[in-house]
């Protein structure tokens, strides 16, 4: 009798693990996708900032910021990347392409470290 109960419990646990694993790994994949999108937008912001296009830098920095915030991960590099993106937006809107570019570069550096 005890052996049967243990087998049934083991079967239930095994099914729960195999059914639940894809759900939790899906969260990680979604976060990774947002982070990679944030990195791409931040790189575009840097490229346009180096050309002196503060307005386009702002658009890409805002896009990167949206993706970075949507990642929903607890990571100090993500937090720093978000801070740099916010600064890039502020300076870009003020027409300071050079300072905004430095912040966008900082965002790329930190967001690239998010794992």
C-alpha atoms as a PDB file:
ATOM      1  CA  UNK A   1       0.000   0.000   0.000  1.00  0.00           C
ATOM      2  CA  UNK A   2       2.736   2.481   0.963  1.00  0.00           C
ATOM      3  CA  UNK A   3       4.693   1.660  -2.186  1.00  0.00           C
ATOM      4  CA  UNK A   4       1.705   2.512  -4.377  1.00  0.00           C
ATOM      5  CA  UNK A   5       1.215   5.880  -2.667  1.00  0.00           C
ATOM      6  CA  UNK A   6       4.872   6.768  -3.124  1.00  0.00           C
ATOM      7  CA  UNK A   7       4.757   5.872  -6.830  1.00  0.00           C
ATOM      8  CA  UNK A   8       1.660   7.996  -7.355  1.00  0.00           C
ATOM      9  CA  UNK A   9       3.228  10.914  -5.498  1.00  0.00           C
ATOM     10  CA  UNK A  10       6.392  10.568  -7.567  1.00  0.00           C
ATOM     11  CA  UNK A  11       4.335  10.542 -10.767  1.00  0.00           C
ATOM     12  CA  UNK A  12       2.464  13.677  -9.714  1.00  0.00           C
ATOM     13  CA  UNK A  13       5.702  15.492  -8.865  1.00  0.00           C
ATOM     14  CA  UNK A  14       7.307  14.448 -12.160  1.00  0.00           C
ATOM     15  CA  UNK A  15       4.342  15.709 -14.174  1.00  0.00           C
ATOM     16  CA  UNK A  16       4.330  18.985 -12.237  1.00  0.00           C
ATOM     17  CA  UNK A  17       8.039  19.521 -12.871  1.00  0.00           C
ATOM     18  CA  UNK A  18       7.809  18.822 -16.590  1.00  0.00           C
ATOM     19  CA  UNK A  19       4.669  20.934 -16.979  1.00  0.00           C
ATOM     20  CA  UNK A  20       5.965  23.839 -14.887  1.00  0.00           C
ATOM     21  CA  UNK A  21       9.488  24.090 -16.293  1.00  0.00           C
ATOM     22  CA  UNK A  22       8.475  25.551 -19.663  1.00  0.00           C
ATOM     23  CA  UNK A  23       6.390  28.177 -17.888  1.00  0.00           C
ATOM     24  CA  UNK A  24       9.299  29.430 -15.785  1.00  0.00           C
ATOM     25  CA  UNK A  25      11.818  29.225 -18.600  1.00  0.00           C
ATOM     26  CA  UNK A  26       9.401  31.269 -20.723  1.00  0.00           C
ATOM     27  CA  UNK A  27       9.775  34.168 -18.295  1.00  0.00           C
ATOM     28  CA  UNK A  28      13.538  34.037 -18.677  1.00  0.00           C
ATOM     29  CA  UNK A  29      13.281  33.923 -22.451  1.00  0.00           C
ATOM     30  CA  UNK A  30      10.909  36.904 -22.492  1.00  0.00           C
ATOM     31  CA  UNK A  31      13.290  38.867 -20.273  1.00  0.00           C
ATOM     32  CA  UNK A  32      16.249  37.973 -22.487  1.00  0.00           C
ATOM     33  CA  UNK A  33      14.355  39.089 -25.580  1.00  0.00           C
ATOM     34  CA  UNK A  34      13.552  42.450 -24.038  1.00  0.00           C
ATOM     35  CA  UNK A  35      17.140  42.915 -22.921  1.00  0.00           C
ATOM     36  CA  UNK A  36      18.503  42.086 -26.378  1.00  0.00           C
ATOM     37  CA  UNK A  37      16.022  44.523 -27.951  1.00  0.00           C
ATOM     38  CA  UNK A  38      17.092  47.172 -25.438  1.00  0.00           C
ATOM     39  CA  UNK A  39      20.749  46.623 -26.370  1.00  0.00           C
ATOM     40  CA  UNK A  40      19.980  46.973 -30.071  1.00  0.00           C
ATOM     41  CA  UNK A  41      18.053  50.214 -29.566  1.00  0.00           C
ATOM     42  CA  UNK A  42      20.779  51.568 -27.295  1.00  0.00           C
ATOM     43  CA  UNK A  43      23.408  50.784 -29.949  1.00  0.00           C
ATOM     44  CA  UNK A  44      21.309  52.660 -32.512  1.00  0.00           C
ATOM     45  CA  UNK A  45      21.068  55.574 -30.084  1.00  0.00           C
ATOM     46  CA  UNK A  46      24.865  55.611 -29.799  1.00  0.00           C
ATOM     47  CA  UNK A  47      25.320  55.518 -33.563  1.00  0.00           C
ATOM     48  CA  UNK A  48      22.947  58.426 -34.126  1.00  0.00           C
ATOM     49  CA  UNK A  49      24.372  60.359 -31.206  1.00  0.00           C
ATOM     50  CA  UNK A  50      27.851  60.123 -32.693  1.00  0.00           C
ATOM     51  CA  UNK A  51      26.424  61.690 -35.846  1.00  0.00           C
ATOM     52  CA  UNK A  52      24.941  64.507 -33.771  1.00  0.00           C
ATOM     53  CA  UNK A  53      21.326  63.425 -34.269  1.00  0.00           C
ATOM     54  CA  UNK A  54      20.021  64.055 -30.750  1.00  0.00           C
ATOM     55  CA  UNK A  55      16.372  63.704 -31.783  1.00  0.00           C
ATOM     56  CA  UNK A  56      16.847  60.233 -33.262  1.00  0.00           C
ATOM     57  CA  UNK A  57      19.039  59.253 -30.315  1.00  0.00           C
ATOM     58  CA  UNK A  58      16.105  60.093 -28.033  1.00  0.00           C
ATOM     59  CA  UNK A  59      13.718  57.876 -30.007  1.00  0.00           C
ATOM     60  CA  UNK A  60      16.060  54.895 -29.783  1.00  0.00           C
ATOM     61  CA  UNK A  61      16.908  55.547 -26.135  1.00  0.00           C
ATOM     62  CA  UNK A  62      13.180  55.642 -25.321  1.00  0.00           C
ATOM     63  CA  UNK A  63      12.681  52.386 -27.208  1.00  0.00           C
ATOM     64  CA  UNK A  64      15.570  50.808 -25.323  1.00  0.00           C
ATOM     65  CA  UNK A  65      14.140  52.093 -22.052  1.00  0.00           C
ATOM     66  CA  UNK A  66      10.737  50.525 -22.735  1.00  0.00           C
ATOM     67  CA  UNK A  67      12.318  47.141 -23.452  1.00  0.00           C
ATOM     68  CA  UNK A  68      14.687  47.350 -20.496  1.00  0.00           C
ATOM     69  CA  UNK A  69      11.843  48.121 -18.112  1.00  0.00           C
ATOM     70  CA  UNK A  70       9.671  45.380 -19.650  1.00  0.00           C
ATOM     71  CA  UNK A  71      12.369  42.767 -19.032  1.00  0.00           C
ATOM     72  CA  UNK A  72      11.241  42.559 -15.424  1.00  0.00           C
ATOM     73  CA  UNK A  73      14.536  41.143 -14.170  1.00  0.00           C
ATOM     74  CA  UNK A  74      16.273  41.822 -10.870  1.00  0.00           C
ATOM     75  CA  UNK A  75      19.773  42.704 -12.028  1.00  0.00           C
ATOM     76  CA  UNK A  76      22.078  45.572 -11.022  1.00  0.00           C
ATOM     77  CA  UNK A  77      23.361  45.946 -14.588  1.00  0.00           C
ATOM     78  CA  UNK A  78      19.803  46.288 -15.850  1.00  0.00           C
ATOM     79  CA  UNK A  79      19.129  48.939 -13.218  1.00  0.00           C
ATOM     80  CA  UNK A  80      22.249  50.890 -14.218  1.00  0.00           C
ATOM     81  CA  UNK A  81      21.379  50.552 -17.890  1.00  0.00           C
ATOM     82  CA  UNK A  82      17.948  52.011 -17.208  1.00  0.00           C
ATOM     83  CA  UNK A  83      19.497  54.957 -15.330  1.00  0.00           C
ATOM     84  CA  UNK A  84      21.825  55.662 -18.259  1.00  0.00           C
ATOM     85  CA  UNK A  85      18.958  55.455 -20.744  1.00  0.00           C
ATOM     86  CA  UNK A  86      16.898  57.930 -18.737  1.00  0.00           C
ATOM     87  CA  UNK A  87      19.851  60.328 -18.683  1.00  0.00           C
ATOM     88  CA  UNK A  88      20.381  59.832 -22.412  1.00  0.00           C
ATOM     89  CA  UNK A  89      16.763  60.823 -23.032  1.00  0.00           C
ATOM     90  CA  UNK A  90      17.005  63.925 -20.817  1.00  0.00           C
ATOM     91  CA  UNK A  91      20.240  65.136 -22.413  1.00  0.00           C
ATOM     92  CA  UNK A  92      19.096  64.219 -25.908  1.00  0.00           C
ATOM     93  CA  UNK A  93      15.909  66.246 -25.509  1.00  0.00           C
ATOM     94  CA  UNK A  94      18.062  69.165 -24.375  1.00  0.00           C
ATOM     95  CA  UNK A  95      20.066  68.835 -27.606  1.00  0.00           C
ATOM     96  CA  UNK A  96      23.229  67.624 -25.865  1.00  0.00           C
ATOM     97  CA  UNK A  97      24.036  64.818 -28.285  1.00  0.00           C
ATOM     98  CA  UNK A  98      27.544  64.298 -26.920  1.00  0.00           C
ATOM     99  CA  UNK A  99      26.484  63.789 -23.292  1.00  0.00           C
ATOM    100  CA  UNK A 100      23.451  61.746 -24.347  1.00  0.00           C
ATOM    101  CA  UNK A 101      25.748  59.528 -26.427  1.00  0.00           C
ATOM    102  CA  UNK A 102      27.988  58.904 -23.412  1.00  0.00           C
ATOM    103  CA  UNK A 103      24.968  57.793 -21.399  1.00  0.00           C
ATOM    104  CA  UNK A 104      23.735  55.595 -24.253  1.00  0.00           C
ATOM    105  CA  UNK A 105      27.185  53.988 -24.386  1.00  0.00           C
ATOM    106  CA  UNK A 106      26.989  53.364 -20.644  1.00  0.00           C
ATOM    107  CA  UNK A 107      23.597  51.764 -21.160  1.00  0.00           C
ATOM    108  CA  UNK A 108      24.994  49.465 -23.855  1.00  0.00           C
ATOM    109  CA  UNK A 109      27.838  48.450 -21.551  1.00  0.00           C
ATOM    110  CA  UNK A 110      25.545  47.609 -18.640  1.00  0.00           C
ATOM    111  CA  UNK A 111      22.734  46.023 -20.629  1.00  0.00           C
ATOM    112  CA  UNK A 112      25.230  43.792 -22.406  1.00  0.00           C
ATOM    113  CA  UNK A 113      26.209  42.409 -18.999  1.00  0.00           C
ATOM    114  CA  UNK A 114      22.679  41.374 -18.049  1.00  0.00           C
ATOM    115  CA  UNK A 115      22.477  37.604 -17.815  1.00  0.00           C
END
